[in-house]
PDB file of N, CA and C in Angstrom:
ATOM      1  N   UNK A   1       3.897 -25.066  -9.152  1.00  0.00           N
ATOM      2  CA  UNK A   1       4.498 -24.343  -8.169  1.00  0.00           C
ATOM      3  C   UNK A   1       5.467 -23.441  -8.738  1.00  0.00           C
ATOM      4  N   UNK A   2       5.333 -22.097  -8.247  1.00  0.00           N
ATOM      5  CA  UNK A   2       6.300 -21.038  -8.807  1.00  0.00           C
ATOM      6  C   UNK A   2       7.725 -21.460  -8.269  1.00  0.00           C
ATOM      7  N   UNK A   3       8.590 -20.836  -8.770  1.00  0.00           N
ATOM      8  CA  UNK A   3      10.122 -20.861  -8.410  1.00  0.00           C
ATOM      9  C   UNK A   3      10.118 -19.993  -7.168  1.00  0.00           C
ATOM     10  N   UNK A   4      11.127 -20.521  -6.335  1.00  0.00           N
ATOM     11  CA  UNK A   4      11.402 -19.842  -5.105  1.00  0.00           C
ATOM     12  C   UNK A   4      12.957 -19.387  -5.116  1.00  0.00           C
ATOM     13  N   UNK A   5      13.047 -18.109  -4.791  1.00  0.00           N
ATOM     14  CA  UNK A   5      14.431 -17.565  -4.883  1.00  0.00           C
ATOM     15  C   UNK A   5      14.710 -17.083  -3.291  1.00  0.00           C
ATOM     16  N   UNK A   6      15.936 -17.056  -3.065  1.00  0.00           N
ATOM     17  CA  UNK A   6      16.324 -16.403  -1.618  1.00  0.00           C
ATOM     18  C   UNK A   6      16.477 -14.819  -1.800  1.00  0.00           C
ATOM     19  N   UNK A   7      16.324 -14.337  -0.615  1.00  0.00           N
ATOM     20  CA  UNK A   7      16.553 -12.738  -0.526  1.00  0.00           C
ATOM     21  C   UNK A   7      17.540 -12.285  -1.333  1.00  0.00           C
ATOM     22  N   UNK A   8      17.184 -11.289  -2.280  1.00  0.00           N
ATOM     23  CA  UNK A   8      18.376 -10.604  -3.153  1.00  0.00           C
ATOM     24  C   UNK A   8      19.087 -11.481  -4.308  1.00  0.00           C
ATOM     25  N   UNK A   9      18.465 -12.722  -4.489  1.00  0.00           N
ATOM     26  CA  UNK A   9      19.085 -13.645  -5.492  1.00  0.00           C
ATOM     27  C   UNK A   9      17.914 -13.820  -6.569  1.00  0.00           C
ATOM     28  N   UNK A  10      17.082 -13.065  -6.774  1.00  0.00           N
ATOM     29  CA  UNK A  10      15.995 -13.203  -7.884  1.00  0.00           C
ATOM     30  C   UNK A  10      16.752 -12.693  -9.165  1.00  0.00           C
ATOM     31  N   UNK A  11      16.502 -13.349 -10.279  1.00  0.00           N
ATOM     32  CA  UNK A  11      17.061 -12.985 -11.508  1.00  0.00           C
ATOM     33  C   UNK A  11      16.406 -11.740 -12.118  1.00  0.00           C
ATOM     34  N   UNK A  12      17.264 -11.028 -13.135  1.00  0.00           N
ATOM     35  CA  UNK A  12      16.648  -9.761 -13.688  1.00  0.00           C
ATOM     36  C   UNK A  12      15.337 -10.130 -14.454  1.00  0.00           C
ATOM     37  N   UNK A  13      14.581  -9.253 -14.618  1.00  0.00           N
ATOM     38  CA  UNK A  13      13.335  -9.544 -15.341  1.00  0.00           C
ATOM     39  C   UNK A  13      12.076  -9.931 -14.601  1.00  0.00           C
ATOM     40  N   UNK A  14      12.342  -9.974 -13.200  1.00  0.00           N
ATOM     41  CA  UNK A  14      11.269 -10.367 -12.264  1.00  0.00           C
ATOM     42  C   UNK A  14      11.310  -9.063 -11.321  1.00  0.00           C
ATOM     43  N   UNK A  15      10.035  -8.745 -10.990  1.00  0.00           N
ATOM     44  CA  UNK A  15       9.864  -7.591  -9.890  1.00  0.00           C
ATOM     45  C   UNK A  15       8.578  -7.879  -8.955  1.00  0.00           C
ATOM     46  N   UNK A  16       8.777  -7.361  -7.905  1.00  0.00           N
ATOM     47  CA  UNK A  16       7.473  -7.353  -6.939  1.00  0.00           C
ATOM     48  C   UNK A  16       6.432  -6.133  -7.195  1.00  0.00           C
ATOM     49  N   UNK A  17       5.294  -6.228  -6.934  1.00  0.00           N
ATOM     50  CA  UNK A  17       4.240  -5.140  -7.257  1.00  0.00           C
ATOM     51  C   UNK A  17       4.696  -3.805  -6.816  1.00  0.00           C
ATOM     52  N   UNK A  18       5.452  -3.589  -5.897  1.00  0.00           N
ATOM     53  CA  UNK A  18       6.028  -2.283  -5.490  1.00  0.00           C
ATOM     54  C   UNK A  18       6.961  -1.602  -6.546  1.00  0.00           C
ATOM     55  N   UNK A  19       7.832  -2.745  -6.966  1.00  0.00           N
ATOM     56  CA  UNK A  19       9.026  -2.408  -7.952  1.00  0.00           C
ATOM     57  C   UNK A  19       8.220  -1.932  -9.167  1.00  0.00           C
ATOM     58  N   UNK A  20       7.288  -2.885  -9.644  1.00  0.00           N
ATOM     59  CA  UNK A  20       6.556  -2.614 -10.882  1.00  0.00           C
ATOM     60  C   UNK A  20       5.872  -1.174 -10.802  1.00  0.00           C
ATOM     61  N   UNK A  21       5.323  -0.901  -9.615  1.00  0.00           N
ATOM     62  CA  UNK A  21       4.578   0.382  -9.533  1.00  0.00           C
ATOM     63  C   UNK A  21       5.653   1.652  -9.616  1.00  0.00           C
ATOM     64  N   UNK A  22       6.702   1.459  -9.147  1.00  0.00           N
ATOM     65  CA  UNK A  22       7.940   2.496  -9.211  1.00  0.00           C
ATOM     66  C   UNK A  22       8.250   2.609 -10.698  1.00  0.00           C
ATOM     67  N   UNK A  23       8.156   1.492 -11.469  1.00  0.00           N
ATOM     68  CA  UNK A  23       8.395   1.722 -13.028  1.00  0.00           C
ATOM     69  C   UNK A  23       7.174   2.169 -13.830  1.00  0.00           C
ATOM     70  N   UNK A  24       6.151   2.360 -13.035  1.00  0.00           N
ATOM     71  CA  UNK A  24       4.744   3.003 -13.818  1.00  0.00           C
ATOM     72  C   UNK A  24       4.242   1.841 -14.386  1.00  0.00           C
ATOM     73  N   UNK A  25       4.462   0.449 -13.805  1.00  0.00           N
ATOM     74  CA  UNK A  25       3.746  -0.723 -14.305  1.00  0.00           C
ATOM     75  C   UNK A  25       2.739  -1.341 -13.367  1.00  0.00           C
ATOM     76  N   UNK A  26       2.039  -2.314 -13.774  1.00  0.00           N
ATOM     77  CA  UNK A  26       1.193  -3.138 -13.056  1.00  0.00           C
ATOM     78  C   UNK A  26       1.292  -4.608 -13.572  1.00  0.00           C
ATOM     79  N   UNK A  27       0.863  -5.688 -12.683  1.00  0.00           N
ATOM     80  CA  UNK A  27       1.039  -6.895 -13.100  1.00  0.00           C
ATOM     81  C   UNK A  27       0.102  -7.295 -14.462  1.00  0.00           C
ATOM     82  N   UNK A  28      -1.040  -6.535 -14.348  1.00  0.00           N
ATOM     83  CA  UNK A  28      -1.970  -6.841 -15.451  1.00  0.00           C
ATOM     84  C   UNK A  28      -2.673  -8.060 -15.710  1.00  0.00           C
ATOM     85  N   UNK A  29      -2.797  -8.810 -14.581  1.00  0.00           N
ATOM     86  CA  UNK A  29      -3.583  -9.993 -14.752  1.00  0.00           C
ATOM     87  C   UNK A  29      -2.718 -11.215 -14.844  1.00  0.00           C
ATOM     88  N   UNK A  30      -1.381 -11.013 -14.892  1.00  0.00           N
ATOM     89  CA  UNK A  30      -0.547 -12.189 -14.937  1.00  0.00           C
ATOM     90  C   UNK A  30      -0.345 -12.944 -13.575  1.00  0.00           C
ATOM     91  N   UNK A  31      -0.106 -14.135 -13.836  1.00  0.00           N
ATOM     92  CA  UNK A  31       0.063 -15.008 -12.651  1.00  0.00           C
ATOM     93  C   UNK A  31       1.406 -14.700 -12.136  1.00  0.00           C
ATOM     94  N   UNK A  32       1.580 -15.167 -10.746  1.00  0.00           N
ATOM     95  CA  UNK A  32       2.783 -14.994  -9.819  1.00  0.00           C
ATOM     96  C   UNK A  32       3.773 -16.036 -10.699  1.00  0.00           C
ATOM     97  N   UNK A  33       5.092 -15.547 -10.915  1.00  0.00           N
ATOM     98  CA  UNK A  33       6.018 -16.284 -11.692  1.00  0.00           C
ATOM     99  C   UNK A  33       6.998 -17.100 -10.690  1.00  0.00           C
ATOM    100  N   UNK A  34       7.208 -16.404  -9.556  1.00  0.00           N
ATOM    101  CA  UNK A  34       8.225 -16.894  -8.517  1.00  0.00           C
ATOM    102  C   UNK A  34       7.929 -16.150  -7.052  1.00  0.00           C
ATOM    103  N   UNK A  35       8.542 -16.770  -6.292  1.00  0.00           N
ATOM    104  CA  UNK A  35       8.352 -16.181  -4.833  1.00  0.00           C
ATOM    105  C   UNK A  35       9.788 -15.845  -4.423  1.00  0.00           C
ATOM    106  N   UNK A  36       9.926 -14.819  -3.506  1.00  0.00           N
ATOM    107  CA  UNK A  36      10.960 -14.401  -2.934  1.00  0.00           C
ATOM    108  C   UNK A  36      10.970 -14.605  -1.336  1.00  0.00           C
ATOM    109  N   UNK A  37      11.981 -15.476  -0.891  1.00  0.00           N
ATOM    110  CA  UNK A  37      11.670 -15.639   0.563  1.00  0.00           C
ATOM    111  C   UNK A  37      12.977 -15.040   1.378  1.00  0.00           C
ATOM    112  N   UNK A  38      12.661 -14.219   2.343  1.00  0.00           N
ATOM    113  CA  UNK A  38      13.346 -13.517   3.127  1.00  0.00           C
ATOM    114  C   UNK A  38      13.360 -14.163   4.473  1.00  0.00           C
ATOM    115  N   UNK A  39      14.552 -14.892   4.930  1.00  0.00           N
ATOM    116  CA  UNK A  39      14.487 -15.474   6.238  1.00  0.00           C
ATOM    117  C   UNK A  39      14.549 -14.682   7.474  1.00  0.00           C
ATOM    118  N   UNK A  40      13.775 -15.211   8.498  1.00  0.00           N
ATOM    119  CA  UNK A  40      13.697 -14.496   9.712  1.00  0.00           C
ATOM    120  C   UNK A  40      14.106 -15.439  10.827  1.00  0.00           C
ATOM    121  N   UNK A  41      14.642 -15.042  12.037  1.00  0.00           N
ATOM    122  CA  UNK A  41      14.853 -15.872  13.131  1.00  0.00           C
ATOM    123  C   UNK A  41      13.640 -16.187  13.833  1.00  0.00           C
ATOM    124  N   UNK A  42      13.379 -17.465  14.098  1.00  0.00           N
ATOM    125  CA  UNK A  42      12.492 -17.930  14.772  1.00  0.00           C
ATOM    126  C   UNK A  42      11.040 -17.765  14.235  1.00  0.00           C
ATOM    127  N   UNK A  43      10.844 -17.344  13.047  1.00  0.00           N
ATOM    128  CA  UNK A  43       9.687 -16.999  12.407  1.00  0.00           C
ATOM    129  C   UNK A  43       9.654 -17.620  11.046  1.00  0.00           C
ATOM    130  N   UNK A  44       8.348 -17.602  10.505  1.00  0.00           N
ATOM    131  CA  UNK A  44       8.357 -18.077   9.005  1.00  0.00           C
ATOM    132  C   UNK A  44       8.950 -16.997   8.058  1.00  0.00           C
ATOM    133  N   UNK A  45       9.545 -17.477   6.993  1.00  0.00           N
ATOM    134  CA  UNK A  45      10.211 -16.408   6.206  1.00  0.00           C
ATOM    135  C   UNK A  45       9.184 -15.452   5.536  1.00  0.00           C
ATOM    136  N   UNK A  46       9.555 -14.173   5.352  1.00  0.00           N
ATOM    137  CA  UNK A  46       8.727 -13.177   4.626  1.00  0.00           C
ATOM    138  C   UNK A  46       8.817 -13.531   3.166  1.00  0.00           C
ATOM    139  N   UNK A  47       7.507 -13.470   2.566  1.00  0.00           N
ATOM    140  CA  UNK A  47       7.338 -13.872   1.208  1.00  0.00           C
ATOM    141  C   UNK A  47       6.967 -12.655   0.145  1.00  0.00           C
ATOM    142  N   UNK A  48       7.568 -12.517  -0.874  1.00  0.00           N
ATOM    143  CA  UNK A  48       7.170 -11.513  -1.816  1.00  0.00           C
ATOM    144  C   UNK A  48       7.008 -12.289  -3.183  1.00  0.00           C
ATOM    145  N   UNK A  49       6.057 -11.871  -3.750  1.00  0.00           N
ATOM    146  CA  UNK A  49       5.603 -12.437  -5.150  1.00  0.00           C
ATOM    147  C   UNK A  49       6.181 -11.768  -6.366  1.00  0.00           C
ATOM    148  N   UNK A  50       6.764 -12.500  -7.184  1.00  0.00           N
ATOM    149  CA  UNK A  50       7.416 -11.757  -8.353  1.00  0.00           C
ATOM    150  C   UNK A  50       6.649 -11.951  -9.613  1.00  0.00           C
ATOM    151  N   UNK A  51       6.581 -11.193 -10.391  1.00  0.00           N
ATOM    152  CA  UNK A  51       6.076 -10.990 -11.727  1.00  0.00           C
ATOM    153  C   UNK A  51       7.100 -10.726 -12.846  1.00  0.00           C
ATOM    154  N   UNK A  52       6.698 -10.998 -13.992  1.00  0.00           N
ATOM    155  CA  UNK A  52       7.586 -10.664 -15.149  1.00  0.00           C
ATOM    156  C   UNK A  52       7.326  -9.315 -15.596  1.00  0.00           C
ATOM    157  N   UNK A  53       8.356  -8.528 -15.686  1.00  0.00           N
ATOM    158  CA  UNK A  53       8.409  -7.079 -16.259  1.00  0.00           C
ATOM    159  C   UNK A  53       8.052  -6.939 -17.476  1.00  0.00           C
ATOM    160  N   UNK A  54       8.382  -7.927 -18.401  1.00  0.00           N
ATOM    161  CA  UNK A  54       8.076  -7.742 -19.791  1.00  0.00           C
ATOM    162  C   UNK A  54       6.634  -7.980 -20.118  1.00  0.00           C
ATOM    163  N   UNK A  55       5.957  -8.702 -19.408  1.00  0.00           N
ATOM    164  CA  UNK A  55       4.559  -8.826 -19.413  1.00  0.00           C
ATOM    165  C   UNK A  55       3.648  -7.870 -18.818  1.00  0.00           C
ATOM    166  N   UNK A  56       4.289  -7.045 -17.952  1.00  0.00           N
ATOM    167  CA  UNK A  56       3.532  -5.937 -17.121  1.00  0.00           C
ATOM    168  C   UNK A  56       2.927  -5.030 -18.025  1.00  0.00           C
ATOM    169  N   UNK A  57       1.783  -4.343 -17.548  1.00  0.00           N
ATOM    170  CA  UNK A  57       1.060  -3.535 -18.435  1.00  0.00           C
ATOM    171  C   UNK A  57       1.223  -1.963 -17.767  1.00  0.00           C
ATOM    172  N   UNK A  58       1.045  -0.925 -18.431  1.00  0.00           N
ATOM    173  CA  UNK A  58       1.177   0.326 -17.813  1.00  0.00           C
ATOM    174  C   UNK A  58      -0.044   0.516 -16.694  1.00  0.00           C
ATOM    175  N   UNK A  59       0.375   1.390 -15.776  1.00  0.00           N
ATOM    176  CA  UNK A  59      -0.689   1.700 -14.829  1.00  0.00           C
ATOM    177  C   UNK A  59      -1.654   2.714 -15.465  1.00  0.00           C
ATOM    178  N   UNK A  60      -2.967   2.307 -15.034  1.00  0.00           N
ATOM    179  CA  UNK A  60      -4.091   3.095 -15.650  1.00  0.00           C
ATOM    180  C   UNK A  60      -3.961   4.562 -15.010  1.00  0.00           C
ATOM    181  N   UNK A  61      -4.409   5.540 -15.857  1.00  0.00           N
ATOM    182  CA  UNK A  61      -4.262   6.881 -15.439  1.00  0.00           C
ATOM    183  C   UNK A  61      -5.405   7.279 -14.426  1.00  0.00           C
ATOM    184  N   UNK A  62      -5.175   8.208 -13.380  1.00  0.00           N
ATOM    185  CA  UNK A  62      -6.252   8.659 -12.648  1.00  0.00           C
ATOM    186  C   UNK A  62      -7.334   9.374 -13.538  1.00  0.00           C
ATOM    187  N   UNK A  63      -8.609   9.057 -13.181  1.00  0.00           N
ATOM    188  CA  UNK A  63      -9.715   9.785 -13.807  1.00  0.00           C
ATOM    189  C   UNK A  63     -10.091  10.877 -12.900  1.00  0.00           C
ATOM    190  N   UNK A  64     -11.052  11.901 -13.343  1.00  0.00           N
ATOM    191  CA  UNK A  64     -11.316  12.914 -12.565  1.00  0.00           C
ATOM    192  C   UNK A  64     -12.340  12.280 -11.354  1.00  0.00           C
ATOM    193  N   UNK A  65     -13.012  11.350 -11.636  1.00  0.00           N
ATOM    194  CA  UNK A  65     -13.992  10.661 -10.567  1.00  0.00           C
ATOM    195  C   UNK A  65     -13.166   9.854  -9.375  1.00  0.00           C
ATOM    196  N   UNK A  66     -12.015   9.287  -9.914  1.00  0.00           N
ATOM    197  CA  UNK A  66     -11.269   8.679  -8.909  1.00  0.00           C
ATOM    198  C   UNK A  66     -10.470   9.652  -8.085  1.00  0.00           C
ATOM    199  N   UNK A  67     -10.101  10.732  -8.691  1.00  0.00           N
ATOM    200  CA  UNK A  67      -9.470  11.912  -8.094  1.00  0.00           C
ATOM    201  C   UNK A  67     -10.352  12.418  -7.056  1.00  0.00           C
ATOM    202  N   UNK A  68     -11.566  12.637  -7.415  1.00  0.00           N
ATOM    203  CA  UNK A  68     -12.597  13.273  -6.496  1.00  0.00           C
ATOM    204  C   UNK A  68     -12.772  12.193  -5.333  1.00  0.00           C
ATOM    205  N   UNK A  69     -12.961  10.799  -5.559  1.00  0.00           N
ATOM    206  CA  UNK A  69     -13.196   9.874  -4.625  1.00  0.00           C
ATOM    207  C   UNK A  69     -12.095   9.932  -3.569  1.00  0.00           C
ATOM    208  N   UNK A  70     -10.895   9.899  -4.013  1.00  0.00           N
ATOM    209  CA  UNK A  70      -9.539   9.879  -3.176  1.00  0.00           C
ATOM    210  C   UNK A  70      -9.554  11.113  -2.280  1.00  0.00           C
ATOM    211  N   UNK A  71      -9.924  12.329  -2.788  1.00  0.00           N
ATOM    212  CA  UNK A  71     -10.029  13.513  -1.983  1.00  0.00           C
ATOM    213  C   UNK A  71     -11.092  13.478  -1.008  1.00  0.00           C
ATOM    214  N   UNK A  72     -12.423  12.896  -1.303  1.00  0.00           N
ATOM    215  CA  UNK A  72     -13.261  12.667  -0.382  1.00  0.00           C
ATOM    216  C   UNK A  72     -13.023  11.830   0.790  1.00  0.00           C
ATOM    217  N   UNK A  73     -12.146  10.813   0.499  1.00  0.00           N
ATOM    218  CA  UNK A  73     -11.847   9.752   1.495  1.00  0.00           C
ATOM    219  C   UNK A  73     -10.708  10.412   2.390  1.00  0.00           C
ATOM    220  N   UNK A  74      -9.922  11.128   1.783  1.00  0.00           N
ATOM    221  CA  UNK A  74      -8.830  11.823   2.669  1.00  0.00           C
ATOM    222  C   UNK A  74      -9.472  12.788   3.589  1.00  0.00           C
ATOM    223  N   UNK A  75     -10.514  13.595   3.174  1.00  0.00           N
ATOM    224  CA  UNK A  75     -11.101  14.648   3.899  1.00  0.00           C
ATOM    225  C   UNK A  75     -11.820  13.807   5.000  1.00  0.00           C
ATOM    226  N   UNK A  76     -12.487  12.662   4.848  1.00  0.00           N
ATOM    227  CA  UNK A  76     -13.186  12.020   5.896  1.00  0.00           C
ATOM    228  C   UNK A  76     -12.276  11.591   6.970  1.00  0.00           C
ATOM    229  N   UNK A  77     -10.887  11.238   6.801  1.00  0.00           N
ATOM    230  CA  UNK A  77      -9.907  10.730   7.504  1.00  0.00           C
ATOM    231  C   UNK A  77      -9.258  11.940   8.356  1.00  0.00           C
ATOM    232  N   UNK A  78      -9.488  13.136   7.828  1.00  0.00           N
ATOM    233  CA  UNK A  78      -8.927  14.297   8.469  1.00  0.00           C
ATOM    234  C   UNK A  78      -9.995  14.981   9.302  1.00  0.00           C
ATOM    235  N   UNK A  79     -11.249  14.610   9.127  1.00  0.00           N
ATOM    236  CA  UNK A  79     -12.387  15.413   9.846  1.00  0.00           C
ATOM    237  C   UNK A  79     -12.639  14.727  11.365  1.00  0.00           C
ATOM    238  N   UNK A  80     -12.599  15.412  12.393  1.00  0.00           N
ATOM    239  CA  UNK A  80     -12.791  14.885  13.607  1.00  0.00           C
ATOM    240  C   UNK A  80     -14.204  14.744  13.885  1.00  0.00           C
ATOM    241  N   UNK A  81     -14.731  13.499  14.348  1.00  0.00           N
ATOM    242  CA  UNK A  81     -16.228  13.396  14.623  1.00  0.00           C
ATOM    243  C   UNK A  81     -16.623  14.034  15.838  1.00  0.00           C
ATOM    244  N   UNK A  82     -15.913  14.456  16.658  1.00  0.00           N
ATOM    245  CA  UNK A  82     -16.293  15.185  17.879  1.00  0.00           C
ATOM    246  C   UNK A  82     -16.361  16.695  17.551  1.00  0.00           C
ATOM    247  N   UNK A  83     -15.412  17.502  17.168  1.00  0.00           N
ATOM    248  CA  UNK A  83     -15.512  18.770  16.853  1.00  0.00           C
ATOM    249  C   UNK A  83     -16.079  19.055  15.497  1.00  0.00           C
ATOM    250  N   UNK A  84     -16.068  18.177  14.540  1.00  0.00           N
ATOM    251  CA  UNK A  84     -16.632  18.266  13.205  1.00  0.00           C
ATOM    252  C   UNK A  84     -15.513  19.359  12.311  1.00  0.00           C
ATOM    253  N   UNK A  85     -14.223  19.460  12.672  1.00  0.00           N
ATOM    254  CA  UNK A  85     -13.265  20.171  11.970  1.00  0.00           C
ATOM    255  C   UNK A  85     -12.165  19.500  11.123  1.00  0.00           C
ATOM    256  N   UNK A  86     -11.676  19.960  10.103  1.00  0.00           N
ATOM    257  CA  UNK A  86     -10.706  19.438   9.333  1.00  0.00           C
ATOM    258  C   UNK A  86      -9.334  19.808  10.173  1.00  0.00           C
ATOM    259  N   UNK A  87      -8.686  18.787  10.633  1.00  0.00           N
ATOM    260  CA  UNK A  87      -7.550  19.094  11.462  1.00  0.00           C
ATOM    261  C   UNK A  87      -6.103  19.239  10.745  1.00  0.00           C
ATOM    262  N   UNK A  88      -6.263  18.799   9.647  1.00  0.00           N
ATOM    263  CA  UNK A  88      -5.077  18.930   8.812  1.00  0.00           C
ATOM    264  C   UNK A  88      -4.178  17.736   8.676  1.00  0.00           C
ATOM    265  N   UNK A  89      -4.410  16.621   9.443  1.00  0.00           N
ATOM    266  CA  UNK A  89      -3.757  15.480   9.432  1.00  0.00           C
ATOM    267  C   UNK A  89      -4.686  14.326   9.725  1.00  0.00           C
ATOM    268  N   UNK A  90      -4.344  13.090   9.327  1.00  0.00           N
ATOM    269  CA  UNK A  90      -5.082  11.941   9.304  1.00  0.00           C
ATOM    270  C   UNK A  90      -5.336  11.648  10.980  1.00  0.00           C
ATOM    271  N   UNK A  91      -6.606  11.550  11.233  1.00  0.00           N
ATOM    272  CA  UNK A  91      -6.701  11.241  12.761  1.00  0.00           C
ATOM    273  C   UNK A  91      -6.489   9.877  13.099  1.00  0.00           C
ATOM    274  N   UNK A  92      -5.635   9.653  14.283  1.00  0.00           N
ATOM    275  CA  UNK A  92      -5.249   8.254  14.503  1.00  0.00           C
ATOM    276  C   UNK A  92      -6.433   7.590  14.856  1.00  0.00           C
ATOM    277  N   UNK A  93      -6.532   6.361  14.457  1.00  0.00           N
ATOM    278  CA  UNK A  93      -7.633   5.278  14.557  1.00  0.00           C
ATOM    279  C   UNK A  93      -7.600   4.876  16.262  1.00  0.00           C
ATOM    280  N   UNK A  94      -6.512   4.671  16.675  1.00  0.00           N
ATOM    281  CA  UNK A  94      -6.416   4.468  18.141  1.00  0.00           C
ATOM    282  C   UNK A  94      -7.174   5.667  19.093  1.00  0.00           C
ATOM    283  N   UNK A  95      -7.237   6.690  18.647  1.00  0.00           N
ATOM    284  CA  UNK A  95      -7.838   7.717  19.379  1.00  0.00           C
ATOM    285  C   UNK A  95      -9.361   7.943  19.114  1.00  0.00           C
ATOM    286  N   UNK A  96      -9.635   7.927  17.764  1.00  0.00           N
ATOM    287  CA  UNK A  96     -10.786   7.999  17.046  1.00  0.00           C
ATOM    288  C   UNK A  96     -11.427   9.416  17.171  1.00  0.00           C
ATOM    289  N   UNK A  97     -10.589  10.322  17.518  1.00  0.00           N
ATOM    290  CA  UNK A  97     -10.840  11.931  17.400  1.00  0.00           C
ATOM    291  C   UNK A  97      -9.566  12.529  17.290  1.00  0.00           C
ATOM    292  N   UNK A  98      -9.474  13.868  17.060  1.00  0.00           N
ATOM    293  CA  UNK A  98      -8.425  14.595  17.003  1.00  0.00           C
ATOM    294  C   UNK A  98      -7.594  14.651  18.231  1.00  0.00           C
ATOM    295  N   UNK A  99      -6.369  15.055  18.333  1.00  0.00           N
ATOM    296  CA  UNK A  99      -5.585  15.001  19.593  1.00  0.00           C
ATOM    297  C   UNK A  99      -6.095  15.985  20.439  1.00  0.00           C
ATOM    298  N   UNK A 100      -6.492  17.213  20.101  1.00  0.00           N
ATOM    299  CA  UNK A 100      -7.116  18.366  20.858  1.00  0.00           C
ATOM    300  C   UNK A 100      -8.399  17.808  21.697  1.00  0.00           C
ATOM    301  N   UNK A 101      -9.296  17.145  20.827  1.00  0.00           N
ATOM    302  CA  UNK A 101     -10.584  16.745  21.595  1.00  0.00           C
ATOM    303  C   UNK A 101     -10.245  15.662  22.584  1.00  0.00           C
ATOM    304  N   UNK A 102      -9.181  14.776  22.286  1.00  0.00           N
ATOM    305  CA  UNK A 102      -8.724  13.530  23.097  1.00  0.00           C
ATOM    306  C   UNK A 102      -8.034  14.146  24.314  1.00  0.00           C
ATOM    307  N   UNK A 103      -7.189  15.037  24.249  1.00  0.00           N
ATOM    308  CA  UNK A 103      -6.611  15.761  25.457  1.00  0.00           C
ATOM    309  C   UNK A 103      -7.363  16.546  26.359  1.00  0.00           C
ATOM    310  N   UNK A 104      -8.552  17.145  25.976  1.00  0.00           N
ATOM    311  CA  UNK A 104      -9.312  18.240  26.532  1.00  0.00           C
ATOM    312  C   UNK A 104      -9.999  17.309  27.696  1.00  0.00           C
ATOM    313  N   UNK A 105      -9.959  17.931  28.753  1.00  0.00           N
ATOM    314  CA  UNK A 105     -10.632  17.374  30.065  1.00  0.00           C
ATOM    315  C   UNK A 105     -12.173  17.206  29.856  1.00  0.00           C
ATOM    316  N   UNK A 106     -12.650  16.016  30.042  1.00  0.00           N
ATOM    317  CA  UNK A 106     -14.120  15.893  29.894  1.00  0.00           C
ATOM    318  C   UNK A 106     -14.935  16.299  31.094  1.00  0.00           C
ATOM    319  N   UNK A 107     -15.847  16.939  30.859  1.00  0.00           N
ATOM    320  CA  UNK A 107     -16.722  17.716  31.955  1.00  0.00           C
ATOM    321  C   UNK A 107     -17.791  16.775  32.492  1.00  0.00           C
TER     322      UNK A 107
END
């Protein structure tokens, strides 16, 4: 079982995935070393998993293929299925189309 620390009481040398990413690192296959619990009222505590910073590896660099795949995915999220135009923002999943098509009166 991993060690459990309360919110803001984790020792130095441990970090969450987000903290590692901010440092340009990734867990690199290492197991979770500890858990960080943040208590909440009337609910189960929020849990964050901690990894050792000294065992973390550098983030892999973006390749041209990954950059192209990310650009294609973002283009698909910005393209309205109704009017087939790139609206310049990510289309809300709740609407399923751009705001202009959603607000237009249906004939």
